[in-house]
Amino acid sequence: MSDLVTVAKPRRNIEALLLLVALLVGVGANMIVGLDEDRAFDSDFWVQGGTLMALVIVFHLVLRFRAKYADPVILPIVTALNGIGLAMIHRLDIANGDDAADRQLLWSAVAVAAGIAVLFIIKDHRILRRYTYISLIVSAVLLLLPLMPAPLGREINGARIWINVGIGTFQPGEIAKITLAIFFAGYLSTNRDLILLAGRKVGPLQFPRMQDMGPMLVAWIVSIGVLVFQRDLGSSILFFGLFMAMIYVATSRVSWVLIGVGLLAAGGFAALQLFNHLQLRIHGWLNAFDPEVYNGIGGSYQVVQGLFGLASGGLAGTGLGQGRPDLVTFANSDMIIAALGEELGLIGIFAIVLMYVLLVSRGFRAALGTKDGFGKLLACGLSFIIALQCFVVIGGVTRLIPLTGLTTPFMSAGGSSLLANWIIVALLLLISNAARRPTPTGPLATDMVPAMSESPGASARTRRSPKEGDE
């Protein structure tokens, strides 16, 4: 009898339809920018729109052959975000006379190619579990590279998170967040039962043993080290938050969260007392509208101008090309949310946030669907990276929390972030493909069941003869 197979539809045609809508959003935004600047349908429009279209079509075709059961919503969302980001960077280039959009387009091609390479090289996401501790070593190397002396390590705007790669700079910490997620997923999926069962119970909470706190201490040391030596508050929050989310998903223990919050509070308080750059960052956040802080070197000018831009955008925005987002420093990278909020308004920002929410929720859905613990934890970790990054960026722009150097995923100018995030998308698609693909069901194979025609005597001869002393 032939095996029965559970019904599962690839849904690649749905993805193709959604991709068409996403391309209309991204390319249409670029067209509106050109119309407003009397540069409609110029060479920049055709190159940027045509390249983006070609890249996502190739990615879509690869999914049809390599991961045809992958989630059909993830790629269209990412395409729309990337397209909107390219349009806004192009709009700011026109105002500032820059060519950041061309660099962003080049990095988009490199990032999509890297995502396609992941789909071809990694046939099954579970293979990554073999490299749990290698991922930890790679993470350590990536985070130490910016601390090397020149010409390798470089300090830009007070943060030492860059390395010189000859043709430009690269931020290895962006790749380190992926390798750390692989390490945490591999370690926690292997040692989950030991972590759950061992430890001392205090009231309703069960606390882990000291020897089981190694990964948390590693994450804490990494985050404090990044804050102290690289002066990067955003990456420090991201790395420790990643581990806290994954340990909670693995154990569902509030005690781990309490211990993590305690370690984070202790480390943050000590760093605040010892390091001047962190004191300036907090002071600028709390006193952003103070004239001395606003006009001071490294003060709050950037944040306040971003807030004014958001306020002038109102509900519906000024329209693409109609505002003055170029007045904000680093408007195409750190503050691109403020630029979009000014010209698309609160409605446009809500639409962008909703796309991020859908993207993260599809990642969590892939985690729920996959059957292996490693895949569940890895999908949760990768999805949480995007969620926490969005929270930190938008929270900094709106002055909910101090402004950090993190970039808005898929939208901000920055090749390192774009490359890492497209790799994350490829991994999420692989995990969702494993979760959604059909599982063969039906009668067991003949070599997996006992032969029913075997005689009772033959069965008896296969059983072990009782020895003296057996009961």
Protein backbone atom coordinates (compact mmCIF):
# COMPACT_ATOMS: atom_id res chain seq x y z
CA MET A 1 0.00 0.00 0.00
CA SER A 2 1.37 3.39 -0.92
CA ASP A 3 2.09 5.85 1.86
CA LEU A 4 -0.58 8.41 2.61
CA VAL A 5 0.62 12.04 2.70
CA THR A 6 -0.94 14.84 4.67
CA VAL A 7 -2.33 17.61 2.45
CA ALA A 8 -0.09 20.71 2.38
CA LYS A 9 -0.05 23.42 -0.25
CA PRO A 10 3.18 25.20 -1.20
CA ARG A 11 1.35 28.57 -1.53
CA ARG A 12 4.08 30.01 -3.75
CA ASN A 13 1.44 31.48 -6.06
CA ILE A 14 0.03 33.44 -3.11
CA GLU A 15 3.56 34.65 -2.39
CA ALA A 16 3.92 35.78 -6.03
CA LEU A 17 0.70 37.80 -5.78
CA LEU A 18 1.81 39.40 -2.51
CA LEU A 19 5.20 40.15 -4.03
CA LEU A 20 3.46 42.08 -6.79
CA VAL A 21 1.71 44.22 -4.17
CA ALA A 22 4.98 44.70 -2.25
CA LEU A 23 6.83 45.81 -5.37
CA LEU A 24 4.03 48.25 -6.19
CA VAL A 25 4.48 49.75 -2.71
CA GLY A 26 8.27 50.03 -2.88
CA VAL A 27 8.64 51.06 -6.53
CA GLY A 28 5.57 53.30 -6.28
CA ALA A 29 7.12 55.17 -3.35
CA ASN A 30 10.24 55.76 -5.45
CA MET A 31 8.10 56.98 -8.32
CA ILE A 32 6.29 59.48 -6.08
CA VAL A 33 9.65 60.82 -4.89
CA GLY A 34 10.72 61.33 -8.52
CA LEU A 35 7.46 63.02 -9.46
CA ASP A 36 7.76 65.51 -6.63
CA GLU A 37 11.34 66.38 -7.57
CA ASP A 38 10.55 66.59 -11.32
CA ARG A 39 12.76 63.54 -11.86
CA ALA A 40 10.07 60.99 -12.64
CA PHE A 41 11.19 57.87 -14.49
CA ASP A 42 14.83 58.89 -14.67
CA SER A 43 17.71 56.42 -14.74
CA ASP A 44 17.76 56.12 -10.93
CA PHE A 45 14.13 55.04 -10.91
CA TRP A 46 14.59 52.33 -13.53
CA VAL A 47 17.85 51.01 -12.04
CA GLN A 48 16.58 50.88 -8.46
CA GLY A 49 13.12 49.56 -9.31
CA GLY A 50 14.38 47.04 -11.87
CA THR A 51 17.15 45.74 -9.61
CA LEU A 52 14.82 45.29 -6.64
CA MET A 53 12.29 43.50 -8.82
CA ALA A 54 14.92 41.18 -10.28
CA LEU A 55 16.36 40.34 -6.87
CA VAL A 56 13.08 39.33 -5.25
CA ILE A 57 11.92 37.39 -8.32
CA VAL A 58 15.12 35.32 -8.23
CA PHE A 59 14.65 34.77 -4.48
CA HIS A 60 11.05 33.71 -5.10
CA LEU A 61 12.10 31.24 -7.81
CA VAL A 62 14.74 29.75 -5.52
CA LEU A 63 12.08 29.22 -2.85
CA ARG A 64 9.96 27.30 -5.35
CA PHE A 65 12.73 24.70 -5.66
CA ARG A 66 14.54 24.81 -2.30
CA ALA A 67 11.80 25.61 0.23
CA LYS A 68 8.48 25.43 -1.57
CA TYR A 69 6.47 25.01 1.66
CA ALA A 70 8.01 28.09 3.30
CA ASP A 71 5.81 30.84 4.71
CA PRO A 72 4.38 32.87 1.78
CA VAL A 73 4.10 36.16 3.70
CA ILE A 74 7.66 36.72 4.96
CA LEU A 75 9.33 37.56 1.63
CA PRO A 76 6.65 40.08 0.48
CA ILE A 77 6.82 41.94 3.81
CA VAL A 78 10.60 42.19 3.66
CA THR A 79 10.42 43.30 0.01
CA ALA A 80 8.01 46.13 0.88
CA LEU A 81 10.17 47.31 3.79
CA ASN A 82 13.34 47.21 1.71
CA GLY A 83 11.62 49.10 -1.13
CA ILE A 84 10.26 51.82 1.16
CA GLY A 85 13.70 52.22 2.71
CA LEU A 86 15.34 52.58 -0.72
CA ALA A 87 12.75 55.21 -1.72
CA MET A 88 13.34 57.31 1.40
CA ILE A 89 17.13 57.06 1.13
CA HIS A 90 16.85 58.13 -2.51
CA ARG A 91 14.63 61.05 -1.47
CA LEU A 92 17.23 62.17 1.09
CA ASP A 93 20.03 61.79 -1.49
CA ILE A 94 18.23 64.30 -3.73
CA ALA A 95 18.10 66.79 -0.85
CA ASN A 96 21.67 66.22 0.34
CA GLY A 97 23.42 65.48 -2.96
CA ASP A 98 24.54 62.06 -1.75
CA ASP A 99 24.60 58.61 -3.37
CA ALA A 100 23.63 56.47 -0.35
CA ALA A 101 20.74 54.90 -2.29
CA ASP A 102 23.17 53.41 -4.84
CA ARG A 103 25.23 51.88 -2.02
CA GLN A 104 22.08 50.59 -0.37
CA LEU A 105 20.97 49.01 -3.64
CA LEU A 106 24.35 47.32 -4.01
CA TRP A 107 24.14 46.00 -0.45
CA SER A 108 20.60 44.81 -1.14
CA ALA A 109 21.95 42.70 -4.00
CA VAL A 110 24.70 41.30 -1.79
CA ALA A 111 22.23 40.60 1.04
CA VAL A 112 19.72 38.82 -1.21
CA ALA A 113 22.55 36.78 -2.73
CA ALA A 114 23.64 35.80 0.79
CA GLY A 115 20.09 34.74 1.63
CA ILE A 116 19.94 32.62 -1.53
CA ALA A 117 23.29 31.06 -0.62
CA VAL A 118 21.89 30.10 2.79
CA LEU A 119 18.95 28.37 1.10
CA PHE A 120 21.32 26.37 -1.11
CA ILE A 121 23.98 25.54 1.48
CA ILE A 122 21.73 24.66 4.43
CA LYS A 123 19.28 21.98 3.37
CA ASP A 124 17.95 21.49 6.91
CA HIS A 125 18.19 24.03 9.72
CA ARG A 126 18.93 21.23 12.20
CA ILE A 127 22.43 20.94 10.72
CA LEU A 128 23.30 24.18 12.51
CA ARG A 129 22.93 22.41 15.84
CA ARG A 130 26.22 20.64 15.19
CA TYR A 131 27.99 24.00 15.30
CA THR A 132 26.72 25.15 18.69
CA TYR A 133 30.09 25.82 20.30
CA ILE A 134 31.75 26.80 17.04
CA SER A 135 29.09 29.53 16.82
CA LEU A 136 30.13 30.76 20.26
CA ILE A 137 33.78 30.97 19.17
CA VAL A 138 32.83 32.75 15.95
CA SER A 139 30.72 35.21 17.95
CA ALA A 140 33.66 36.00 20.24
CA VAL A 141 35.97 36.57 17.26
CA LEU A 142 33.44 38.82 15.50
CA LEU A 143 32.94 40.96 18.59
CA LEU A 144 36.70 41.30 19.22
CA LEU A 145 37.58 42.33 15.67
CA PRO A 146 36.52 46.02 16.06
CA LEU A 147 38.80 46.28 19.12
CA MET A 148 41.87 45.44 17.04
CA PRO A 149 44.22 48.34 16.32
CA ALA A 150 44.02 50.30 13.08
CA PRO A 151 43.78 49.77 10.19
CA LEU A 152 41.46 46.84 11.02
CA GLY A 153 39.41 48.31 13.87
CA ARG A 154 37.73 51.68 13.36
CA GLU A 155 35.94 54.12 15.64
CA ILE A 156 33.08 56.11 14.10
CA ASN A 157 30.97 58.64 16.04
CA GLY A 158 32.39 57.44 19.34
CA ALA A 159 31.47 53.77 18.82
CA ARG A 160 34.13 51.15 18.08
CA ILE A 161 31.97 48.61 16.29
CA TRP A 162 33.42 48.73 12.77
CA ILE A 163 36.22 47.05 10.87
CA ASN A 164 37.93 48.15 7.68
CA VAL A 165 37.39 45.68 4.82
CA GLY A 166 39.28 47.61 2.15
CA ILE A 167 36.33 48.77 0.06
CA GLY A 168 34.54 50.20 3.10
CA THR A 169 33.54 49.39 6.65
CA PHE A 170 31.64 46.47 8.07
CA GLN A 171 29.96 45.86 11.44
CA PRO A 172 30.73 42.26 12.50
CA GLY A 173 28.37 42.51 15.49
CA GLU A 174 25.45 42.25 13.05
CA ILE A 175 26.57 38.73 12.09
CA ALA A 176 27.39 37.95 15.72
CA LYS A 177 23.72 38.29 16.68
CA ILE A 178 22.93 35.37 14.34
CA THR A 179 25.77 33.15 15.57
CA LEU A 180 24.84 33.91 19.19
CA ALA A 181 21.25 32.89 18.45
CA ILE A 182 22.52 29.59 17.02
CA PHE A 183 24.67 28.99 20.13
CA PHE A 184 21.88 29.78 22.57
CA ALA A 185 19.41 27.61 20.65
CA GLY A 186 21.82 24.68 20.51
CA TYR A 187 22.84 24.88 24.16
CA LEU A 188 19.35 25.40 25.57
CA SER A 189 17.75 22.68 23.45
CA THR A 190 20.42 20.20 24.61
CA ASN A 191 20.41 21.11 28.30
CA ARG A 192 16.79 22.13 28.76
CA ASP A 193 15.77 19.13 30.87
CA LEU A 194 18.75 19.52 33.20
CA ILE A 195 18.04 23.22 33.65
CA LEU A 196 14.38 22.52 34.39
CA LEU A 197 14.87 19.72 36.88
CA ALA A 198 17.90 20.92 38.81
CA GLY A 199 17.96 23.87 41.18
CA ARG A 200 16.52 25.08 44.46
CA LYS A 201 12.90 26.08 44.87
CA VAL A 202 12.16 29.26 46.80
CA GLY A 203 8.43 29.73 47.25
CA PRO A 204 6.73 29.53 43.85
CA LEU A 205 10.02 30.10 42.00
CA GLN A 206 12.68 27.53 41.16
CA PHE A 207 16.16 28.98 40.77
CA PRO A 208 18.93 27.29 38.74
CA ARG A 209 22.15 25.87 40.08
CA MET A 210 25.29 27.98 39.78
CA GLN A 211 26.84 25.58 37.26
CA ASP A 212 23.79 25.98 35.00
CA MET A 213 24.14 29.77 34.83
CA GLY A 214 27.13 29.67 32.48
CA PRO A 215 25.28 30.78 29.32
CA MET A 216 23.57 33.64 31.16
CA LEU A 217 26.90 34.85 32.51
CA VAL A 218 28.37 34.60 29.00
CA ALA A 219 25.52 36.72 27.63
CA TRP A 220 25.90 39.21 30.48
CA ILE A 221 29.68 39.52 30.01
CA VAL A 222 29.23 39.97 26.26
CA SER A 223 26.63 42.71 26.70
CA ILE A 224 28.65 44.57 29.33
CA GLY A 225 31.81 44.20 27.23
CA VAL A 226 30.08 45.67 24.18
CA LEU A 227 28.79 48.56 26.30
CA VAL A 228 32.16 49.29 27.90
CA PHE A 229 34.70 48.67 25.14
CA GLN A 230 32.67 49.30 21.97
CA ARG A 231 30.44 51.99 23.51
CA ASP A 232 27.40 50.55 21.78
CA LEU A 233 24.35 50.65 24.03
CA GLY A 234 21.99 49.27 21.37
CA SER A 235 23.96 46.09 20.65
CA SER A 236 24.47 45.55 24.38
CA ILE A 237 20.71 45.60 24.97
CA LEU A 238 20.13 43.40 21.91
CA PHE A 239 22.56 40.63 22.88
CA PHE A 240 21.37 40.28 26.46
CA GLY A 241 17.71 40.65 25.52
CA LEU A 242 18.15 37.88 22.94
CA PHE A 243 19.35 35.43 25.57
CA MET A 244 16.68 36.42 28.06
CA ALA A 245 13.94 35.80 25.49
CA MET A 246 15.37 32.42 24.48
CA ILE A 247 15.92 31.16 28.04
CA TYR A 248 12.35 32.09 28.93
CA VAL A 249 10.99 30.32 25.84
CA ALA A 250 13.08 27.23 26.67
CA THR A 251 12.14 27.00 30.37
CA SER A 252 9.06 29.19 30.98
CA ARG A 253 10.71 30.06 34.30
CA VAL A 254 10.20 33.57 35.66
CA SER A 255 13.21 33.02 37.95
CA TRP A 256 15.57 33.24 34.96
CA VAL A 257 14.03 36.56 33.98
CA LEU A 258 14.43 37.90 37.53
CA ILE A 259 18.08 36.85 37.64
CA GLY A 260 18.68 38.42 34.24
CA VAL A 261 17.03 41.70 35.22
CA GLY A 262 19.15 41.76 38.37
CA LEU A 263 22.38 41.20 36.43
CA LEU A 264 21.40 43.83 33.87
CA ALA A 265 20.54 46.37 36.56
CA ALA A 266 23.80 45.76 38.42
CA GLY A 267 25.93 45.98 35.28
CA GLY A 268 24.09 49.02 33.97
CA PHE A 269 24.38 50.88 37.30
CA ALA A 270 28.10 50.18 37.54
CA ALA A 271 28.69 51.25 33.93
CA LEU A 272 26.68 54.43 34.48
CA GLN A 273 28.90 55.36 37.44
CA LEU A 274 32.18 54.57 35.69
CA PHE A 275 31.84 55.67 32.06
CA ASN A 276 31.31 59.22 30.93
CA HIS A 277 29.88 58.44 27.48
CA LEU A 278 26.98 56.55 29.04
CA GLN A 279 26.29 59.39 31.47
CA LEU A 280 26.12 61.82 28.56
CA ARG A 281 23.71 59.56 26.70
CA ILE A 282 21.33 59.31 29.68
CA HIS A 283 21.63 63.03 30.45
CA GLY A 284 20.79 63.93 26.85
CA TRP A 285 17.76 61.66 26.95
CA LEU A 286 16.35 63.04 30.21
CA ASN A 287 17.08 66.69 29.41
CA ALA A 288 16.63 66.73 25.64
CA PHE A 289 14.90 70.14 25.53
CA ASP A 290 17.44 71.87 27.75
CA PRO A 291 19.13 74.53 25.52
CA GLU A 292 22.61 73.62 26.80
CA VAL A 293 22.04 69.93 26.06
CA TYR A 294 20.38 70.69 22.72
CA ASN A 295 23.29 72.86 21.50
CA GLY A 296 26.08 70.83 23.11
CA ILE A 297 28.47 68.58 21.21
CA GLY A 298 26.88 65.15 21.02
CA GLY A 299 23.74 66.61 22.60
CA SER A 300 20.08 66.11 21.86
CA TYR A 301 19.83 68.06 18.57
CA GLN A 302 19.24 64.88 16.55
CA VAL A 303 16.47 63.55 18.79
CA VAL A 304 14.65 66.88 19.14
CA GLN A 305 14.74 67.57 15.39
CA GLY A 306 13.33 64.08 14.83
CA LEU A 307 10.50 64.80 17.25
CA PHE A 308 9.73 68.08 15.47
CA GLY A 309 9.66 66.21 12.19
CA LEU A 310 7.22 63.63 13.55
CA ALA A 311 5.04 66.43 14.91
CA SER A 312 4.97 68.29 11.61
CA GLY A 313 3.95 65.09 9.82
CA GLY A 314 0.73 64.86 11.80
CA LEU A 315 -1.79 62.16 10.96
CA ALA A 316 -1.41 61.87 7.17
CA GLY A 317 2.09 63.28 6.69
CA THR A 318 3.41 66.03 4.44
CA GLY A 319 3.75 63.63 1.49
CA LEU A 320 6.87 62.02 0.06
CA GLY A 321 9.27 64.76 -0.95
CA GLN A 322 7.26 67.52 0.74
CA GLY A 323 8.89 67.58 4.19
CA ARG A 324 12.35 68.53 5.47
CA PRO A 325 13.72 65.29 6.95
CA ASP A 326 17.17 66.32 5.70
CA LEU A 327 17.39 68.71 8.67
CA VAL A 328 17.89 65.68 10.95
CA THR A 329 21.41 64.28 11.14
CA PHE A 330 21.75 60.67 9.98
CA ALA A 331 18.18 60.81 8.69
CA ASN A 332 18.82 57.91 6.29
CA SER A 333 20.13 55.53 8.98
CA ASP A 334 19.53 56.10 12.70
CA MET A 335 16.56 58.44 12.16
CA ILE A 336 14.85 57.03 9.08
CA ILE A 337 11.70 56.37 11.16
CA ALA A 338 11.52 60.11 11.89
CA ALA A 339 11.92 60.89 8.18
CA LEU A 340 9.17 58.45 7.25
CA GLY A 341 6.94 59.73 10.05
CA GLU A 342 7.25 63.30 8.78
CA GLU A 343 6.32 62.49 5.18
CA LEU A 344 3.96 59.51 5.68
CA GLY A 345 2.42 60.63 8.96
CA LEU A 346 1.13 58.58 11.84
CA ILE A 347 -0.89 56.40 9.44
CA GLY A 348 2.23 55.53 7.46
CA ILE A 349 4.23 54.73 10.61
CA PHE A 350 1.41 52.50 11.87
CA ALA A 351 1.43 50.66 8.53
CA ILE A 352 5.21 50.11 8.78
CA VAL A 353 4.97 48.94 12.39
CA LEU A 354 2.17 46.58 11.40
CA MET A 355 4.41 45.04 8.74
CA TYR A 356 7.08 44.43 11.36
CA VAL A 357 4.49 42.89 13.69
CA LEU A 358 3.33 40.57 10.91
CA LEU A 359 6.92 39.61 10.10
CA VAL A 360 7.73 38.77 13.72
CA SER A 361 4.45 36.88 14.18
CA ARG A 362 5.18 34.74 11.10
CA GLY A 363 8.55 33.91 12.60
CA PHE A 364 6.90 32.83 15.86
CA ARG A 365 4.37 30.84 13.85
CA ALA A 366 7.23 28.96 12.20
CA ALA A 367 8.64 28.28 15.67
CA LEU A 368 5.33 26.86 16.85
CA GLY A 369 5.01 24.64 13.79
CA THR A 370 8.43 23.02 13.72
CA LYS A 371 8.83 19.80 15.69
CA ASP A 372 12.44 20.05 16.93
CA GLY A 373 13.39 22.05 19.98
CA PHE A 374 16.43 23.60 18.30
CA GLY A 375 14.32 24.98 15.45
CA LYS A 376 11.73 26.37 17.85
CA LEU A 377 14.34 28.23 19.87
CA LEU A 378 16.24 29.46 16.81
CA ALA A 379 13.11 30.80 15.11
CA CYS A 380 12.03 32.51 18.33
CA GLY A 381 15.48 34.03 18.79
CA LEU A 382 15.77 35.32 15.23
CA SER A 383 12.24 36.76 15.35
CA PHE A 384 12.95 38.42 18.69
CA ILE A 385 16.09 40.03 17.24
CA ILE A 386 13.94 41.89 14.70
CA ALA A 387 11.28 42.74 17.29
CA LEU A 388 13.72 44.07 19.89
CA GLN A 389 15.66 46.01 17.26
CA CYS A 390 12.47 47.75 16.11
CA PHE A 391 11.50 48.54 19.70
CA VAL A 392 14.91 50.00 20.54
CA VAL A 393 15.05 52.09 17.36
CA ILE A 394 11.49 53.44 17.45
CA GLY A 395 11.69 53.92 21.22
CA GLY A 396 14.86 55.98 20.80
CA VAL A 397 13.42 58.13 18.00
CA THR A 398 10.28 58.87 20.02
CA ARG A 399 12.34 59.48 23.19
CA LEU A 400 10.76 56.59 25.05
CA ILE A 401 14.26 55.26 25.76
CA PRO A 402 17.74 56.67 25.06
CA LEU A 403 18.69 56.80 21.39
CA THR A 404 21.04 54.02 20.32
CA GLY A 405 23.03 53.24 17.22
CA LEU A 406 20.86 50.37 16.00
CA THR A 407 19.36 50.51 12.52
CA THR A 408 15.76 49.92 11.48
CA PRO A 409 15.70 46.43 9.91
CA PHE A 410 15.64 46.40 6.07
CA MET A 411 15.07 50.17 5.85
CA SER A 412 18.03 52.10 7.26
CA ALA A 413 21.12 52.77 5.19
CA GLY A 414 23.73 50.26 6.29
CA GLY A 415 25.05 47.19 4.52
CA SER A 416 25.99 45.17 7.60
CA SER A 417 22.48 45.29 9.03
CA LEU A 418 20.87 44.58 5.66
CA LEU A 419 23.09 41.55 5.08
CA ALA A 420 22.42 40.10 8.53
CA ASN A 421 18.66 40.63 8.31
CA TRP A 422 18.33 38.94 4.92
CA ILE A 423 20.24 35.95 6.32
CA ILE A 424 17.76 35.90 9.21
CA VAL A 425 14.91 35.89 6.67
CA ALA A 426 16.47 32.93 4.84
CA LEU A 427 16.80 30.96 8.10
CA LEU A 428 13.21 31.72 9.09
CA LEU A 429 12.03 30.54 5.66
CA LEU A 430 13.98 27.30 6.08
CA ILE A 431 12.42 26.67 9.48
CA SER A 432 8.94 27.50 8.23
CA ASN A 433 9.45 25.14 5.30
CA ALA A 434 10.28 22.32 7.74
CA ALA A 435 7.23 23.21 9.83
CA ARG A 436 4.78 23.32 6.91
CA ARG A 437 5.94 20.52 4.62
CA PRO A 438 3.80 17.35 4.51
CA THR A 439 4.61 14.48 6.83
CA PRO A 440 4.26 10.96 5.38
CA THR A 441 1.75 8.86 7.29
CA GLY A 442 0.36 5.35 6.81
CA PRO A 443 1.35 1.72 7.44
CA LEU A 444 4.82 1.09 8.85
CA ALA A 445 7.38 -0.40 6.54
CA THR A 446 7.72 -4.19 6.65
CA ASP A 447 11.20 -3.99 8.12
CA MET A 448 9.85 -2.03 11.11
CA VAL A 449 7.23 -4.55 12.28
CA PRO A 450 7.62 -8.15 13.53
CA ALA A 451 6.93 -10.90 11.02
CA MET A 452 3.44 -12.20 11.88
CA SER A 453 4.04 -15.52 10.14
CA GLU A 454 6.83 -16.46 12.50
CA SER A 455 6.08 -19.62 14.43
CA PRO A 456 5.73 -19.59 18.21
CA GLY A 457 8.78 -21.80 18.48
CA ALA A 458 10.86 -19.44 16.40
CA SER A 459 9.71 -16.51 18.55
CA ALA A 460 10.64 -18.40 21.67
CA ARG A 461 14.12 -19.16 20.32
CA THR A 462 14.75 -15.42 19.83
CA ARG A 463 14.01 -14.61 23.45
CA ARG A 464 16.82 -14.64 25.98
CA SER A 465 16.93 -17.74 28.16
CA PRO A 466 16.51 -16.88 31.83
CA LYS A 467 19.69 -17.08 33.85
CA GLU A 468 20.01 -18.27 37.37
CA GLY A 469 19.06 -15.54 39.76
CA ASP A 470 16.73 -13.79 37.32
CA GLU A 471 13.32 -12.98 38.63
